[in-house]
PDB file of N, CA and C in Angstrom:
ATOM      1  N   MET A   1     -67.672 -52.844  -1.651  1.00  0.00           N
ATOM      2  CA  MET A   1     -68.239 -51.612  -2.164  1.00  0.00           C
ATOM      3  C   MET A   1     -68.716 -51.867  -3.592  1.00  0.00           C
ATOM      4  N   SER A   2     -69.965 -51.530  -3.849  1.00  0.00           N
ATOM      5  CA  SER A   2     -70.513 -51.737  -5.191  1.00  0.00           C
ATOM      6  C   SER A   2     -70.002 -50.647  -6.136  1.00  0.00           C
ATOM      7  N   GLN A   3     -70.180 -50.893  -7.429  1.00  0.00           N
ATOM      8  CA  GLN A   3     -69.741 -49.915  -8.435  1.00  0.00           C
ATOM      9  C   GLN A   3     -70.487 -48.589  -8.262  1.00  0.00           C
ATOM     10  N   GLU A   4     -71.768 -48.652  -7.918  1.00  0.00           N
ATOM     11  CA  GLU A   4     -72.549 -47.419  -7.724  1.00  0.00           C
ATOM     12  C   GLU A   4     -72.025 -46.625  -6.526  1.00  0.00           C
ATOM     13  N   GLU A   5     -71.727 -47.326  -5.429  1.00  0.00           N
ATOM     14  CA  GLU A   5     -71.163 -46.642  -4.255  1.00  0.00           C
ATOM     15  C   GLU A   5     -69.799 -46.044  -4.589  1.00  0.00           C
ATOM     16  N   PHE A   6     -69.011 -46.781  -5.364  1.00  0.00           N
ATOM     17  CA  PHE A   6     -67.696 -46.303  -5.762  1.00  0.00           C
ATOM     18  C   PHE A   6     -67.825 -45.048  -6.627  1.00  0.00           C
ATOM     19  N   ASP A   7     -68.726 -45.067  -7.603  1.00  0.00           N
ATOM     20  CA  ASP A   7     -68.910 -43.921  -8.495  1.00  0.00           C
ATOM     21  C   ASP A   7     -69.460 -42.700  -7.773  1.00  0.00           C
ATOM     22  N   ASN A   8     -70.243 -42.894  -6.722  1.00  0.00           N
ATOM     23  CA  ASN A   8     -70.849 -41.777  -6.000  1.00  0.00           C
ATOM     24  C   ASN A   8     -70.070 -41.372  -4.748  1.00  0.00           C
ATOM     25  N   HIS A   9     -68.871 -41.905  -4.590  1.00  0.00           N
ATOM     26  CA  HIS A   9     -68.050 -41.561  -3.426  1.00  0.00           C
ATOM     27  C   HIS A   9     -67.699 -40.068  -3.476  1.00  0.00           C
ATOM     28  N   PRO A  10     -67.768 -39.358  -2.327  1.00  0.00           N
ATOM     29  CA  PRO A  10     -67.489 -37.921  -2.346  1.00  0.00           C
ATOM     30  C   PRO A  10     -66.073 -37.585  -2.795  1.00  0.00           C
ATOM     31  N   GLY A  11     -65.150 -38.515  -2.680  1.00  0.00           N
ATOM     32  CA  GLY A  11     -63.784 -38.258  -3.129  1.00  0.00           C
ATOM     33  C   GLY A  11     -63.711 -37.888  -4.602  1.00  0.00           C
ATOM     34  N   TRP A  12     -64.594 -38.466  -5.411  1.00  0.00           N
ATOM     35  CA  TRP A  12     -64.602 -38.123  -6.836  1.00  0.00           C
ATOM     36  C   TRP A  12     -65.057 -36.686  -7.031  1.00  0.00           C
ATOM     37  N   ARG A  13     -66.049 -36.247  -6.258  1.00  0.00           N
ATOM     38  CA  ARG A  13     -66.555 -34.887  -6.393  1.00  0.00           C
ATOM     39  C   ARG A  13     -65.514 -33.877  -5.917  1.00  0.00           C
ATOM     40  N   TRP A  14     -64.709 -34.249  -4.921  1.00  0.00           N
ATOM     41  CA  TRP A  14     -63.701 -33.325  -4.389  1.00  0.00           C
ATOM     42  C   TRP A  14     -62.590 -33.045  -5.400  1.00  0.00           C
ATOM     43  N   CYS A  15     -62.521 -33.820  -6.457  1.00  0.00           N
ATOM     44  CA  CYS A  15     -61.502 -33.597  -7.482  1.00  0.00           C
ATOM     45  C   CYS A  15     -61.901 -32.506  -8.471  1.00  0.00           C
ATOM     46  N   THR A  16     -63.094 -31.956  -8.345  1.00  0.00           N
ATOM     47  CA  THR A  16     -63.512 -30.855  -9.202  1.00  0.00           C
ATOM     48  C   THR A  16     -63.261 -29.540  -8.459  1.00  0.00           C
ATOM     49  N   ALA A  17     -63.303 -28.430  -9.179  1.00  0.00           N
ATOM     50  CA  ALA A  17     -63.056 -27.128  -8.557  1.00  0.00           C
ATOM     51  C   ALA A  17     -64.079 -26.847  -7.458  1.00  0.00           C
ATOM     52  N   GLN A  18     -65.348 -27.030  -7.761  1.00  0.00           N
ATOM     53  CA  GLN A  18     -66.385 -26.769  -6.751  1.00  0.00           C
ATOM     54  C   GLN A  18     -66.285 -27.759  -5.602  1.00  0.00           C
ATOM     55  N   GLY A  19     -65.997 -29.020  -5.912  1.00  0.00           N
ATOM     56  CA  GLY A  19     -65.856 -30.018  -4.874  1.00  0.00           C
ATOM     57  C   GLY A  19     -64.682 -29.722  -3.945  1.00  0.00           C
ATOM     58  N   ALA A  20     -63.582 -29.202  -4.508  1.00  0.00           N
ATOM     59  CA  ALA A  20     -62.425 -28.847  -3.684  1.00  0.00           C
ATOM     60  C   ALA A  20     -62.773 -27.692  -2.749  1.00  0.00           C
ATOM     61  N   ARG A  21     -63.523 -26.717  -3.253  1.00  0.00           N
ATOM     62  CA  ARG A  21     -63.957 -25.593  -2.391  1.00  0.00           C
ATOM     63  C   ARG A  21     -64.864 -26.107  -1.274  1.00  0.00           C
ATOM     64  N   ASP A  22     -65.783 -26.985  -1.627  1.00  0.00           N
ATOM     65  CA  ASP A  22     -66.688 -27.551  -0.612  1.00  0.00           C
ATOM     66  C   ASP A  22     -65.914 -28.350   0.431  1.00  0.00           C
ATOM     67  N   HIS A  23     -64.922 -29.116  -0.017  1.00  0.00           N
ATOM     68  CA  HIS A  23     -64.124 -29.914   0.907  1.00  0.00           C
ATOM     69  C   HIS A  23     -63.312 -29.018   1.843  1.00  0.00           C
ATOM     70  N   ALA A  24     -62.736 -27.937   1.306  1.00  0.00           N
ATOM     71  CA  ALA A  24     -61.988 -26.993   2.147  1.00  0.00           C
ATOM     72  C   ALA A  24     -62.906 -26.354   3.185  1.00  0.00           C
ATOM     73  N   LEU A  25     -64.121 -26.017   2.777  1.00  0.00           N
ATOM     74  CA  LEU A  25     -65.084 -25.453   3.711  1.00  0.00           C
ATOM     75  C   LEU A  25     -65.445 -26.464   4.792  1.00  0.00           C
ATOM     76  N   LEU A  26     -65.653 -27.701   4.385  1.00  0.00           N
ATOM     77  CA  LEU A  26     -65.979 -28.752   5.347  1.00  0.00           C
ATOM     78  C   LEU A  26     -64.838 -28.950   6.350  1.00  0.00           C
ATOM     79  N   LEU A  27     -63.597 -28.978   5.866  1.00  0.00           N
ATOM     80  CA  LEU A  27     -62.455 -29.114   6.775  1.00  0.00           C
ATOM     81  C   LEU A  27     -62.371 -27.924   7.723  1.00  0.00           C
ATOM     82  N   GLY A  28     -62.661 -26.728   7.214  1.00  0.00           N
ATOM     83  CA  GLY A  28     -62.643 -25.536   8.054  1.00  0.00           C
ATOM     84  C   GLY A  28     -63.682 -25.595   9.158  1.00  0.00           C
ATOM     85  N   LEU A  29     -64.822 -26.172   8.842  1.00  0.00           N
ATOM     86  CA  LEU A  29     -65.880 -26.291   9.850  1.00  0.00           C
ATOM     87  C   LEU A  29     -65.582 -27.367  10.879  1.00  0.00           C
ATOM     88  N   GLU A  30     -64.791 -28.369  10.483  1.00  0.00           N
ATOM     89  CA  GLU A  30     -64.508 -29.483  11.376  1.00  0.00           C
ATOM     90  C   GLU A  30     -63.260 -29.297  12.228  1.00  0.00           C
ATOM     91  N   THR A  31     -62.436 -28.285  11.933  1.00  0.00           N
ATOM     92  CA  THR A  31     -61.211 -28.088  12.702  1.00  0.00           C
ATOM     93  C   THR A  31     -61.402 -26.971  13.728  1.00  0.00           C
ATOM     94  N   THR A  32     -60.657 -27.090  14.805  1.00  0.00           N
ATOM     95  CA  THR A  32     -60.733 -26.068  15.857  1.00  0.00           C
ATOM     96  C   THR A  32     -59.820 -24.903  15.505  1.00  0.00           C
ATOM     97  N   PHE A  33     -59.996 -23.811  16.217  1.00  0.00           N
ATOM     98  CA  PHE A  33     -59.153 -22.636  15.999  1.00  0.00           C
ATOM     99  C   PHE A  33     -57.691 -22.981  16.278  1.00  0.00           C
ATOM    100  N   ARG A  34     -57.453 -23.750  17.313  1.00  0.00           N
ATOM    101  CA  ARG A  34     -56.075 -24.138  17.661  1.00  0.00           C
ATOM    102  C   ARG A  34     -55.442 -24.971  16.549  1.00  0.00           C
ATOM    103  N   GLU A  35     -56.201 -25.904  15.969  1.00  0.00           N
ATOM    104  CA  GLU A  35     -55.679 -26.708  14.868  1.00  0.00           C
ATOM    105  C   GLU A  35     -55.346 -25.833  13.662  1.00  0.00           C
ATOM    106  N   LYS A  36     -56.172 -24.831  13.411  1.00  0.00           N
ATOM    107  CA  LYS A  36     -55.910 -23.920  12.294  1.00  0.00           C
ATOM    108  C   LYS A  36     -54.634 -23.121  12.546  1.00  0.00           C
ATOM    109  N   LEU A  37     -54.436 -22.659  13.778  1.00  0.00           N
ATOM    110  CA  LEU A  37     -53.215 -21.926  14.110  1.00  0.00           C
ATOM    111  C   LEU A  37     -51.987 -22.816  13.956  1.00  0.00           C
ATOM    112  N   GLU A  38     -52.079 -24.053  14.411  1.00  0.00           N
ATOM    113  CA  GLU A  38     -50.961 -24.986  14.268  1.00  0.00           C
ATOM    114  C   GLU A  38     -50.639 -25.215  12.794  1.00  0.00           C
ATOM    115  N   TRP A  39     -51.669 -25.360  11.967  1.00  0.00           N
ATOM    116  CA  TRP A  39     -51.463 -25.554  10.539  1.00  0.00           C
ATOM    117  C   TRP A  39     -50.777 -24.336   9.938  1.00  0.00           C
ATOM    118  N   LEU A  40     -51.198 -23.137  10.314  1.00  0.00           N
ATOM    119  CA  LEU A  40     -50.572 -21.920   9.796  1.00  0.00           C
ATOM    120  C   LEU A  40     -49.110 -21.817  10.219  1.00  0.00           C
ATOM    121  N   GLU A  41     -48.815 -22.167  11.472  1.00  0.00           N
ATOM    122  CA  GLU A  41     -47.430 -22.129  11.942  1.00  0.00           C
ATOM    123  C   GLU A  41     -46.569 -23.125  11.174  1.00  0.00           C
ATOM    124  N   GLN A  42     -47.097 -24.302  10.918  1.00  0.00           N
ATOM    125  CA  GLN A  42     -46.343 -25.306  10.172  1.00  0.00           C
ATOM    126  C   GLN A  42     -46.110 -24.852   8.732  1.00  0.00           C
ATOM    127  N   SER A  43     -47.108 -24.251   8.114  1.00  0.00           N
ATOM    128  CA  SER A  43     -46.933 -23.800   6.736  1.00  0.00           C
ATOM    129  C   SER A  43     -45.960 -22.620   6.668  1.00  0.00           C
ATOM    130  N   GLU A  44     -45.953 -21.743   7.678  1.00  0.00           N
ATOM    131  CA  GLU A  44     -44.995 -20.643   7.719  1.00  0.00           C
ATOM    132  C   GLU A  44     -43.572 -21.185   7.877  1.00  0.00           C
ATOM    133  N   ASP A  45     -43.397 -22.168   8.749  1.00  0.00           N
ATOM    134  CA  ASP A  45     -42.082 -22.779   8.944  1.00  0.00           C
ATOM    135  C   ASP A  45     -41.600 -23.421   7.645  1.00  0.00           C
ATOM    136  N   PHE A  46     -42.479 -24.125   6.966  1.00  0.00           N
ATOM    137  CA  PHE A  46     -42.132 -24.766   5.703  1.00  0.00           C
ATOM    138  C   PHE A  46     -41.727 -23.729   4.663  1.00  0.00           C
ATOM    139  N   SER A  47     -42.475 -22.641   4.580  1.00  0.00           N
ATOM    140  CA  SER A  47     -42.171 -21.582   3.630  1.00  0.00           C
ATOM    141  C   SER A  47     -40.804 -20.954   3.914  1.00  0.00           C
ATOM    142  N   LEU A  48     -40.501 -20.721   5.191  1.00  0.00           N
ATOM    143  CA  LEU A  48     -39.203 -20.155   5.546  1.00  0.00           C
ATOM    144  C   LEU A  48     -38.062 -21.113   5.206  1.00  0.00           C
ATOM    145  N   ARG A  49     -38.278 -22.410   5.422  1.00  0.00           N
ATOM    146  CA  ARG A  49     -37.243 -23.382   5.070  1.00  0.00           C
ATOM    147  C   ARG A  49     -37.005 -23.413   3.562  1.00  0.00           C
ATOM    148  N   LEU A  50     -38.069 -23.296   2.771  1.00  0.00           N
ATOM    149  CA  LEU A  50     -37.909 -23.260   1.318  1.00  0.00           C
ATOM    150  C   LEU A  50     -37.132 -22.019   0.883  1.00  0.00           C
ATOM    151  N   GLN A  51     -37.481 -20.872   1.453  1.00  0.00           N
ATOM    152  CA  GLN A  51     -36.779 -19.634   1.108  1.00  0.00           C
ATOM    153  C   GLN A  51     -35.318 -19.686   1.553  1.00  0.00           C
ATOM    154  N   THR A  52     -35.041 -20.287   2.708  1.00  0.00           N
ATOM    155  CA  THR A  52     -33.667 -20.434   3.184  1.00  0.00           C
ATOM    156  C   THR A  52     -32.868 -21.305   2.225  1.00  0.00           C
ATOM    157  N   SER A  53     -33.493 -22.372   1.744  1.00  0.00           N
ATOM    158  CA  SER A  53     -32.831 -23.247   0.783  1.00  0.00           C
ATOM    159  C   SER A  53     -32.510 -22.487  -0.503  1.00  0.00           C
ATOM    160  N   ARG A  54     -33.466 -21.689  -0.982  1.00  0.00           N
ATOM    161  CA  ARG A  54     -33.235 -20.887  -2.181  1.00  0.00           C
ATOM    162  C   ARG A  54     -32.109 -19.891  -1.932  1.00  0.00           C
ATOM    163  N   TRP A  55     -32.092 -19.282  -0.757  1.00  0.00           N
ATOM    164  CA  TRP A  55     -31.062 -18.300  -0.398  1.00  0.00           C
ATOM    165  C   TRP A  55     -29.673 -18.938  -0.459  1.00  0.00           C
ATOM    166  N   LYS A  56     -29.559 -20.129   0.117  1.00  0.00           N
ATOM    167  CA  LYS A  56     -28.271 -20.813   0.152  1.00  0.00           C
ATOM    168  C   LYS A  56     -27.782 -21.210  -1.228  1.00  0.00           C
ATOM    169  N   GLU A  57     -28.700 -21.416  -2.166  1.00  0.00           N
ATOM    170  CA  GLU A  57     -28.342 -21.760  -3.543  1.00  0.00           C
ATOM    171  C   GLU A  57     -28.069 -20.520  -4.388  1.00  0.00           C
ATOM    172  N   GLY A  58     -28.300 -19.336  -3.829  1.00  0.00           N
ATOM    173  CA  GLY A  58     -28.083 -18.106  -4.577  1.00  0.00           C
ATOM    174  C   GLY A  58     -29.221 -17.767  -5.523  1.00  0.00           C
ATOM    175  N   LEU A  59     -30.388 -18.354  -5.307  1.00  0.00           N
ATOM    176  CA  LEU A  59     -31.555 -18.112  -6.162  1.00  0.00           C
ATOM    177  C   LEU A  59     -32.385 -16.961  -5.603  1.00  0.00           C
ATOM    178  N   PRO A  60     -33.231 -16.348  -6.424  1.00  0.00           N
ATOM    179  CA  PRO A  60     -34.067 -15.245  -5.937  1.00  0.00           C
ATOM    180  C   PRO A  60     -35.014 -15.701  -4.828  1.00  0.00           C
ATOM    181  N   VAL A  61     -35.223 -14.818  -3.852  1.00  0.00           N
ATOM    182  CA  VAL A  61     -36.130 -15.108  -2.742  1.00  0.00           C
ATOM    183  C   VAL A  61     -37.149 -13.985  -2.621  1.00  0.00           C
ATOM    184  N   ASP A  62     -38.156 -14.211  -1.815  1.00  0.00           N
ATOM    185  CA  ASP A  62     -39.185 -13.213  -1.560  1.00  0.00           C
ATOM    186  C   ASP A  62     -38.531 -11.971  -0.956  1.00  0.00           C
ATOM    187  N   PRO A  63     -38.686 -10.807  -1.590  1.00  0.00           N
ATOM    188  CA  PRO A  63     -38.026  -9.588  -1.090  1.00  0.00           C
ATOM    189  C   PRO A  63     -38.410  -9.234   0.343  1.00  0.00           C
ATOM    190  N   ARG A  64     -39.600  -9.630   0.777  1.00  0.00           N
ATOM    191  CA  ARG A  64     -40.011  -9.330   2.147  1.00  0.00           C
ATOM    192  C   ARG A  64     -39.177 -10.087   3.170  1.00  0.00           C
ATOM    193  N   LEU A  65     -38.550 -11.185   2.747  1.00  0.00           N
ATOM    194  CA  LEU A  65     -37.754 -11.993   3.665  1.00  0.00           C
ATOM    195  C   LEU A  65     -36.264 -11.664   3.625  1.00  0.00           C
ATOM    196  N   LEU A  66     -35.843 -10.790   2.720  1.00  0.00           N
ATOM    197  CA  LEU A  66     -34.420 -10.469   2.605  1.00  0.00           C
ATOM    198  C   LEU A  66     -33.798 -10.020   3.923  1.00  0.00           C
ATOM    199  N   PRO A  67     -34.390  -9.068   4.660  1.00  0.00           N
ATOM    200  CA  PRO A  67     -33.763  -8.646   5.917  1.00  0.00           C
ATOM    201  C   PRO A  67     -33.631  -9.785   6.931  1.00  0.00           C
ATOM    202  N   ILE A  68     -34.629 -10.654   6.988  1.00  0.00           N
ATOM    203  CA  ILE A  68     -34.589 -11.771   7.929  1.00  0.00           C
ATOM    204  C   ILE A  68     -33.483 -12.747   7.544  1.00  0.00           C
ATOM    205  N   LEU A  69     -33.419 -13.090   6.261  1.00  0.00           N
ATOM    206  CA  LEU A  69     -32.419 -14.046   5.806  1.00  0.00           C
ATOM    207  C   LEU A  69     -31.002 -13.477   5.928  1.00  0.00           C
ATOM    208  N   GLU A  70     -30.823 -12.199   5.591  1.00  0.00           N
ATOM    209  CA  GLU A  70     -29.501 -11.582   5.711  1.00  0.00           C
ATOM    210  C   GLU A  70     -29.039 -11.534   7.156  1.00  0.00           C
ATOM    211  N   ALA A  71     -29.955 -11.243   8.074  1.00  0.00           N
ATOM    212  CA  ALA A  71     -29.590 -11.179   9.489  1.00  0.00           C
ATOM    213  C   ALA A  71     -29.218 -12.567  10.017  1.00  0.00           C
ATOM    214  N   ALA A  72     -29.926 -13.585   9.571  1.00  0.00           N
ATOM    215  CA  ALA A  72     -29.686 -14.930  10.083  1.00  0.00           C
ATOM    216  C   ALA A  72     -28.539 -15.645   9.376  1.00  0.00           C
ATOM    217  N   LEU A  73     -28.371 -15.403   8.062  1.00  0.00           N
ATOM    218  CA  LEU A  73     -27.433 -16.201   7.278  1.00  0.00           C
ATOM    219  C   LEU A  73     -26.277 -15.410   6.674  1.00  0.00           C
ATOM    220  N   GLY A  74     -26.292 -14.092   6.811  1.00  0.00           N
ATOM    221  CA  GLY A  74     -25.246 -13.284   6.202  1.00  0.00           C
ATOM    222  C   GLY A  74     -25.554 -13.003   4.750  1.00  0.00           C
ATOM    223  N   PRO A  75     -24.567 -12.495   4.010  1.00  0.00           N
ATOM    224  CA  PRO A  75     -24.831 -12.150   2.599  1.00  0.00           C
ATOM    225  C   PRO A  75     -25.117 -13.401   1.770  1.00  0.00           C
ATOM    226  N   GLN A  76     -25.925 -13.201   0.739  1.00  0.00           N
ATOM    227  CA  GLN A  76     -26.315 -14.322  -0.107  1.00  0.00           C
ATOM    228  C   GLN A  76     -25.138 -14.753  -0.961  1.00  0.00           C
ATOM    229  N   PRO A  77     -24.858 -16.077  -1.019  1.00  0.00           N
ATOM    230  CA  PRO A  77     -23.764 -16.557  -1.876  1.00  0.00           C
ATOM    231  C   PRO A  77     -24.124 -16.383  -3.348  1.00  0.00           C
ATOM    232  N   ALA A  78     -23.111 -16.455  -4.191  1.00  0.00           N
ATOM    233  CA  ALA A  78     -23.325 -16.333  -5.638  1.00  0.00           C
ATOM    234  C   ALA A  78     -24.221 -17.468  -6.113  1.00  0.00           C
ATOM    235  N   ARG A  79     -24.933 -17.215  -7.176  1.00  0.00           N
ATOM    236  CA  ARG A  79     -25.900 -18.193  -7.683  1.00  0.00           C
ATOM    237  C   ARG A  79     -25.245 -19.541  -7.967  1.00  0.00           C
ATOM    238  N   GLY A  80     -25.869 -20.596  -7.407  1.00  0.00           N
ATOM    239  CA  GLY A  80     -25.415 -21.953  -7.638  1.00  0.00           C
ATOM    240  C   GLY A  80     -24.183 -22.348  -6.854  1.00  0.00           C
ATOM    241  N   LYS A  81     -23.698 -21.495  -5.963  1.00  0.00           N
ATOM    242  CA  LYS A  81     -22.497 -21.814  -5.186  1.00  0.00           C
ATOM    243  C   LYS A  81     -22.857 -21.876  -3.715  1.00  0.00           C
ATOM    244  N   ALA A  82     -23.455 -22.975  -3.316  1.00  0.00           N
ATOM    245  CA  ALA A  82     -23.858 -23.157  -1.913  1.00  0.00           C
ATOM    246  C   ALA A  82     -22.620 -23.428  -1.081  1.00  0.00           C
ATOM    247  N   GLU A  83     -22.647 -22.890   0.140  1.00  0.00           N
ATOM    248  CA  GLU A  83     -21.543 -23.127   1.070  1.00  0.00           C
ATOM    249  C   GLU A  83     -21.699 -24.492   1.707  1.00  0.00           C
ATOM    250  N   SER A  84     -20.606 -25.140   1.964  1.00  0.00           N
ATOM    251  CA  SER A  84     -20.661 -26.470   2.591  1.00  0.00           C
ATOM    252  C   SER A  84     -20.419 -26.380   4.077  1.00  0.00           C
TER     253      SER A  84
END
């Protein structure tokens, strides 16, 4: 790869704000609806795992998830006192 090809590689442009928006649009156009749904399900699962971890440490969590976490895990332990 020549220096000119390296300098004009689209990866460099994607590191800018406009380039990142263009790249996200391009990915959206190239993925199927099913792939988008799978990505959303994975990101939701990841978010719930993060909130569960915060809950177990006694840290603040998203108030919208309080009923779900309380039903699944019981009352929140005191801050910094995770159960073993």
